PDB file of N, CA and C in Angstrom:
ATOM      1  N   UNK A   1      83.966-131.140  42.704  1.00  0.00           N
ATOM      2  CA  UNK A   1      82.883-130.284  43.108  1.00  0.00           C
ATOM      3  C   UNK A   1      81.737-131.156  43.627  1.00  0.00           C
ATOM      4  N   UNK A   2      81.199-130.787  44.810  1.00  0.00           N
ATOM      5  CA  UNK A   2      80.114-131.552  45.393  1.00  0.00           C
ATOM      6  C   UNK A   2      78.765-131.135  44.831  1.00  0.00           C
ATOM      7  N   UNK A   3      77.768-131.925  45.165  1.00  0.00           N
ATOM      8  CA  UNK A   3      76.413-131.598  44.735  1.00  0.00           C
ATOM      9  C   UNK A   3      75.897-130.375  45.469  1.00  0.00           C
ATOM     10  N   UNK A   4      75.067-129.607  44.788  1.00  0.00           N
ATOM     11  CA  UNK A   4      74.412-128.466  45.426  1.00  0.00           C
ATOM     12  C   UNK A   4      73.374-129.010  46.414  1.00  0.00           C
ATOM     13  N   UNK A   5      73.109-128.226  47.456  1.00  0.00           N
ATOM     14  CA  UNK A   5      72.085-128.580  48.431  1.00  0.00           C
ATOM     15  C   UNK A   5      70.949-127.582  48.315  1.00  0.00           C
ATOM     16  N   UNK A   6      69.726-128.076  48.382  1.00  0.00           N
ATOM     17  CA  UNK A   6      68.552-127.226  48.243  1.00  0.00           C
ATOM     18  C   UNK A   6      67.785-127.222  49.557  1.00  0.00           C
ATOM     19  N   UNK A   7      67.503-126.012  50.044  1.00  0.00           N
ATOM     20  CA  UNK A   7      66.737-125.833  51.275  1.00  0.00           C
ATOM     21  C   UNK A   7      65.475-125.059  50.936  1.00  0.00           C
ATOM     22  N   UNK A   8      64.330-125.566  51.348  1.00  0.00           N
ATOM     23  CA  UNK A   8      63.055-124.884  51.139  1.00  0.00           C
ATOM     24  C   UNK A   8      62.520-124.468  52.496  1.00  0.00           C
ATOM     25  N   UNK A   9      62.316-123.162  52.668  1.00  0.00           N
ATOM     26  CA  UNK A   9      61.792-122.634  53.916  1.00  0.00           C
ATOM     27  C   UNK A   9      60.291-122.919  53.945  1.00  0.00           C
ATOM     28  N   UNK A  10      59.825-123.740  54.878  1.00  0.00           N
ATOM     29  CA  UNK A  10      58.408-124.104  54.900  1.00  0.00           C
ATOM     30  C   UNK A  10      57.480-122.951  55.270  1.00  0.00           C
ATOM     31  N   UNK A  11      58.017-121.889  55.855  1.00  0.00           N
ATOM     32  CA  UNK A  11      57.185-120.754  56.252  1.00  0.00           C
ATOM     33  C   UNK A  11      57.075-119.738  55.116  1.00  0.00           C
ATOM     34  N   UNK A  12      58.223-119.314  54.562  1.00  0.00           N
ATOM     35  CA  UNK A  12      58.205-118.272  53.522  1.00  0.00           C
ATOM     36  C   UNK A  12      58.120-118.863  52.118  1.00  0.00           C
ATOM     37  N   UNK A  13      58.528-120.116  51.968  1.00  0.00           N
ATOM     38  CA  UNK A  13      58.546-120.737  50.651  1.00  0.00           C
ATOM     39  C   UNK A  13      59.803-120.455  49.861  1.00  0.00           C
ATOM     40  N   UNK A  14      60.723-119.645  50.419  1.00  0.00           N
ATOM     41  CA  UNK A  14      61.950-119.328  49.686  1.00  0.00           C
ATOM     42  C   UNK A  14      62.776-120.597  49.481  1.00  0.00           C
ATOM     43  N   UNK A  15      63.506-120.602  48.384  1.00  0.00           N
ATOM     44  CA  UNK A  15      64.312-121.759  48.003  1.00  0.00           C
ATOM     45  C   UNK A  15      65.759-121.314  47.921  1.00  0.00           C
ATOM     46  N   UNK A  16      66.592-121.872  48.790  1.00  0.00           N
ATOM     47  CA  UNK A  16      68.015-121.526  48.817  1.00  0.00           C
ATOM     48  C   UNK A  16      68.809-122.710  48.286  1.00  0.00           C
ATOM     49  N   UNK A  17      69.694-122.433  47.334  1.00  0.00           N
ATOM     50  CA  UNK A  17      70.556-123.466  46.766  1.00  0.00           C
ATOM     51  C   UNK A  17      71.984-123.127  47.148  1.00  0.00           C
ATOM     52  N   UNK A  18      72.604-124.014  47.913  1.00  0.00           N
ATOM     53  CA  UNK A  18      73.980-123.844  48.361  1.00  0.00           C
ATOM     54  C   UNK A  18      74.889-124.639  47.427  1.00  0.00           C
ATOM     55  N   UNK A  19      75.824-123.933  46.817  1.00  0.00           N
ATOM     56  CA  UNK A  19      76.738-124.564  45.880  1.00  0.00           C
ATOM     57  C   UNK A  19      76.578-123.944  44.504  1.00  0.00           C
ATOM     58  N   UNK A  20      77.374-124.376  43.556  1.00  0.00           N
ATOM     59  CA  UNK A  20      77.314-123.807  42.211  1.00  0.00           C
ATOM     60  C   UNK A  20      76.065-124.255  41.456  1.00  0.00           C
ATOM     61  N   UNK A  21      75.458-123.292  40.738  1.00  0.00           N
ATOM     62  CA  UNK A  21      74.252-123.560  39.949  1.00  0.00           C
ATOM     63  C   UNK A  21      74.468-122.993  38.546  1.00  0.00           C
ATOM     64  N   UNK A  22      74.278-123.828  37.534  1.00  0.00           N
ATOM     65  CA  UNK A  22      74.358-123.367  36.148  1.00  0.00           C
ATOM     66  C   UNK A  22      72.982-122.900  35.699  1.00  0.00           C
ATOM     67  N   UNK A  23      72.919-121.676  35.153  1.00  0.00           N
ATOM     68  CA  UNK A  23      71.698-121.164  34.539  1.00  0.00           C
ATOM     69  C   UNK A  23      71.845-121.391  33.044  1.00  0.00           C
ATOM     70  N   UNK A  24      70.900-122.111  32.459  1.00  0.00           N
ATOM     71  CA  UNK A  24      71.004-122.511  31.061  1.00  0.00           C
ATOM     72  C   UNK A  24      69.820-121.987  30.257  1.00  0.00           C
ATOM     73  N   UNK A  25      70.029-121.853  28.946  1.00  0.00           N
ATOM     74  CA  UNK A  25      68.931-121.456  28.069  1.00  0.00           C
ATOM     75  C   UNK A  25      68.170-122.700  27.621  1.00  0.00           C
ATOM     76  N   UNK A  26      67.189-122.506  26.749  1.00  0.00           N
ATOM     77  CA  UNK A  26      66.335-123.611  26.317  1.00  0.00           C
ATOM     78  C   UNK A  26      67.081-124.691  25.530  1.00  0.00           C
ATOM     79  N   UNK A  27      68.287-124.383  25.080  1.00  0.00           N
ATOM     80  CA  UNK A  27      69.095-125.367  24.349  1.00  0.00           C
ATOM     81  C   UNK A  27      70.146-126.033  25.236  1.00  0.00           C
ATOM     82  N   UNK A  28      70.179-125.641  26.505  1.00  0.00           N
ATOM     83  CA  UNK A  28      71.132-126.242  27.428  1.00  0.00           C
ATOM     84  C   UNK A  28      72.468-125.535  27.511  1.00  0.00           C
ATOM     85  N   UNK A  29      72.596-124.391  26.838  1.00  0.00           N
ATOM     86  CA  UNK A  29      73.835-123.620  26.901  1.00  0.00           C
ATOM     87  C   UNK A  29      73.915-122.879  28.228  1.00  0.00           C
ATOM     88  N   UNK A  30      75.055-122.981  28.887  1.00  0.00           N
ATOM     89  CA  UNK A  30      75.241-122.313  30.168  1.00  0.00           C
ATOM     90  C   UNK A  30      75.368-120.810  29.934  1.00  0.00           C
ATOM     91  N   UNK A  31      74.449-120.039  30.537  1.00  0.00           N
ATOM     92  CA  UNK A  31      74.475-118.584  30.425  1.00  0.00           C
ATOM     93  C   UNK A  31      75.367-117.976  31.497  1.00  0.00           C
ATOM     94  N   UNK A  32      75.274-118.522  32.693  1.00  0.00           N
ATOM     95  CA  UNK A  32      76.132-118.092  33.797  1.00  0.00           C
ATOM     96  C   UNK A  32      76.062-119.131  34.902  1.00  0.00           C
ATOM     97  N   UNK A  33      77.056-119.090  35.760  1.00  0.00           N
ATOM     98  CA  UNK A  33      77.093-119.960  36.924  1.00  0.00           C
ATOM     99  C   UNK A  33      77.151-119.070  38.155  1.00  0.00           C
ATOM    100  N   UNK A  34      76.272-119.347  39.105  1.00  0.00           N
ATOM    101  CA  UNK A  34      76.242-118.583  40.355  1.00  0.00           C
ATOM    102  C   UNK A  34      76.382-119.552  41.517  1.00  0.00           C
ATOM    103  N   UNK A  35      76.802-119.023  42.652  1.00  0.00           N
ATOM    104  CA  UNK A  35      76.875-119.828  43.868  1.00  0.00           C
ATOM    105  C   UNK A  35      75.929-119.267  44.901  1.00  0.00           C
ATOM    106  N   UNK A  36      75.307-120.160  45.657  1.00  0.00           N
ATOM    107  CA  UNK A  36      74.478-119.795  46.804  1.00  0.00           C
ATOM    108  C   UNK A  36      73.372-118.813  46.419  1.00  0.00           C
ATOM    109  N   UNK A  37      72.446-119.286  45.607  1.00  0.00           N
ATOM    110  CA  UNK A  37      71.338-118.450  45.161  1.00  0.00           C
ATOM    111  C   UNK A  37      70.107-118.701  46.021  1.00  0.00           C
ATOM    112  N   UNK A  38      69.214-117.713  46.067  1.00  0.00           N
ATOM    113  CA  UNK A  38      67.980-117.841  46.826  1.00  0.00           C
ATOM    114  C   UNK A  38      66.841-117.316  45.967  1.00  0.00           C
ATOM    115  N   UNK A  39      65.842-118.161  45.731  1.00  0.00           N
ATOM    116  CA  UNK A  39      64.704-117.813  44.896  1.00  0.00           C
ATOM    117  C   UNK A  39      63.474-117.507  45.743  1.00  0.00           C
ATOM    118  N   UNK A  40      62.651-116.599  45.222  1.00  0.00           N
ATOM    119  CA  UNK A  40      61.411-116.197  45.889  1.00  0.00           C
ATOM    120  C   UNK A  40      60.404-117.344  45.849  1.00  0.00           C
ATOM    121  N   UNK A  41      59.750-117.565  46.971  1.00  0.00           N
ATOM    122  CA  UNK A  41      58.684-118.556  47.028  1.00  0.00           C
ATOM    123  C   UNK A  41      57.379-117.962  47.515  1.00  0.00           C
ATOM    124  N   UNK A  42      57.411-116.685  47.923  1.00  0.00           N
ATOM    125  CA  UNK A  42      56.206-116.058  48.483  1.00  0.00           C
ATOM    126  C   UNK A  42      55.484-115.180  47.466  1.00  0.00           C
ATOM    127  N   UNK A  43      56.176-114.805  46.376  1.00  0.00           N
ATOM    128  CA  UNK A  43      55.576-113.966  45.356  1.00  0.00           C
ATOM    129  C   UNK A  43      55.681-112.474  45.629  1.00  0.00           C
ATOM    130  N   UNK A  44      56.321-112.069  46.724  1.00  0.00           N
ATOM    131  CA  UNK A  44      56.393-110.658  47.090  1.00  0.00           C
ATOM    132  C   UNK A  44      57.673-109.961  46.643  1.00  0.00           C
ATOM    133  N   UNK A  45      58.665-110.708  46.211  1.00  0.00           N
ATOM    134  CA  UNK A  45      59.957-110.121  45.840  1.00  0.00           C
ATOM    135  C   UNK A  45      59.817-109.137  44.683  1.00  0.00           C
ATOM    136  N   UNK A  46      60.535-108.041  44.787  1.00  0.00           N
ATOM    137  CA  UNK A  46      60.589-107.073  43.691  1.00  0.00           C
ATOM    138  C   UNK A  46      61.756-107.387  42.751  1.00  0.00           C
ATOM    139  N   UNK A  47      62.478-108.473  43.038  1.00  0.00           N
ATOM    140  CA  UNK A  47      63.640-108.894  42.251  1.00  0.00           C
ATOM    141  C   UNK A  47      63.453-110.333  41.777  1.00  0.00           C
ATOM    142  N   UNK A  48      62.218-110.697  41.413  1.00  0.00           N
ATOM    143  CA  UNK A  48      61.938-112.078  40.994  1.00  0.00           C
ATOM    144  C   UNK A  48      62.794-112.455  39.802  1.00  0.00           C
ATOM    145  N   UNK A  49      63.272-113.655  39.738  1.00  0.00           N
ATOM    146  CA  UNK A  49      62.923-114.790  40.582  1.00  0.00           C
ATOM    147  C   UNK A  49      63.730-114.866  41.878  1.00  0.00           C
ATOM    148  N   UNK A  50      64.591-113.891  42.116  1.00  0.00           N
ATOM    149  CA  UNK A  50      65.421-113.914  43.319  1.00  0.00           C
ATOM    150  C   UNK A  50      64.629-113.456  44.541  1.00  0.00           C
ATOM    151  N   UNK A  51      65.015-113.953  45.687  1.00  0.00           N
ATOM    152  CA  UNK A  51      64.419-113.539  46.950  1.00  0.00           C
ATOM    153  C   UNK A  51      65.093-112.240  47.400  1.00  0.00           C
ATOM    154  N   UNK A  52      64.282-111.249  47.762  1.00  0.00           N
ATOM    155  CA  UNK A  52      64.843-109.986  48.269  1.00  0.00           C
ATOM    156  C   UNK A  52      64.480-109.762  49.737  1.00  0.00           C
ATOM    157  N   UNK A  53      63.912-110.775  50.382  1.00  0.00           N
ATOM    158  CA  UNK A  53      63.570-110.675  51.797  1.00  0.00           C
ATOM    159  C   UNK A  53      62.216-110.036  52.062  1.00  0.00           C
ATOM    160  N   UNK A  54      61.437-109.750  51.012  1.00  0.00           N
ATOM    161  CA  UNK A  54      60.126-109.113  51.200  1.00  0.00           C
ATOM    162  C   UNK A  54      59.193-109.952  52.065  1.00  0.00           C
ATOM    163  N   UNK A  55      59.402-111.251  52.128  1.00  0.00           N
ATOM    164  CA  UNK A  55      58.540-112.121  52.928  1.00  0.00           C
ATOM    165  C   UNK A  55      58.653-111.831  54.421  1.00  0.00           C
ATOM    166  N   UNK A  56      59.742-111.201  54.828  1.00  0.00           N
ATOM    167  CA  UNK A  56      59.925-110.927  56.260  1.00  0.00           C
ATOM    168  C   UNK A  56      58.789-110.089  56.822  1.00  0.00           C
ATOM    169  N   UNK A  57      58.387-109.038  56.089  1.00  0.00           N
ATOM    170  CA  UNK A  57      57.263-108.209  56.542  1.00  0.00           C
ATOM    171  C   UNK A  57      55.981-109.017  56.615  1.00  0.00           C
ATOM    172  N   UNK A  58      55.786-109.883  55.642  1.00  0.00           N
ATOM    173  CA  UNK A  58      54.588-110.722  55.605  1.00  0.00           C
ATOM    174  C   UNK A  58      54.549-111.634  56.826  1.00  0.00           C
ATOM    175  N   UNK A  59      55.698-112.214  57.162  1.00  0.00           N
ATOM    176  CA  UNK A  59      55.749-113.141  58.294  1.00  0.00           C
ATOM    177  C   UNK A  59      55.601-112.423  59.619  1.00  0.00           C
ATOM    178  N   UNK A  60      56.200-111.237  59.737  1.00  0.00           N
ATOM    179  CA  UNK A  60      56.121-110.458  60.964  1.00  0.00           C
ATOM    180  C   UNK A  60      54.703-109.972  61.193  1.00  0.00           C
ATOM    181  N   UNK A  61      54.006-109.580  60.109  1.00  0.00           N
ATOM    182  CA  UNK A  61      52.678-108.986  60.227  1.00  0.00           C
ATOM    183  C   UNK A  61      51.535-109.975  60.010  1.00  0.00           C
ATOM    184  N   UNK A  62      51.816-111.254  59.918  1.00  0.00           N
ATOM    185  CA  UNK A  62      50.767-112.213  59.583  1.00  0.00           C
ATOM    186  C   UNK A  62      49.721-112.346  60.684  1.00  0.00           C
ATOM    187  N   UNK A  63      50.052-111.992  61.911  1.00  0.00           N
ATOM    188  CA  UNK A  63      49.094-112.089  62.999  1.00  0.00           C
ATOM    189  C   UNK A  63      48.227-110.843  63.113  1.00  0.00           C
ATOM    190  N   UNK A  64      48.542-109.800  62.324  1.00  0.00           N
ATOM    191  CA  UNK A  64      47.788-108.536  62.399  1.00  0.00           C
ATOM    192  C   UNK A  64      46.596-108.544  61.471  1.00  0.00           C
TER     193      UNK A  64
END
């Protein structure tokens, strides 16, 4: 298995992780493993910490 790759969108702030990601609790126990996750970086998502694309409206309307 290769290393995950992390992409940070400089405009929206969203963080996309390509590859397997282990979600762990405070003791390091793996709760679940997901692939290709995207986290909110703009604060507008209604599904935090996941990105739901809410930043698109913000970016489209930023000149208004």
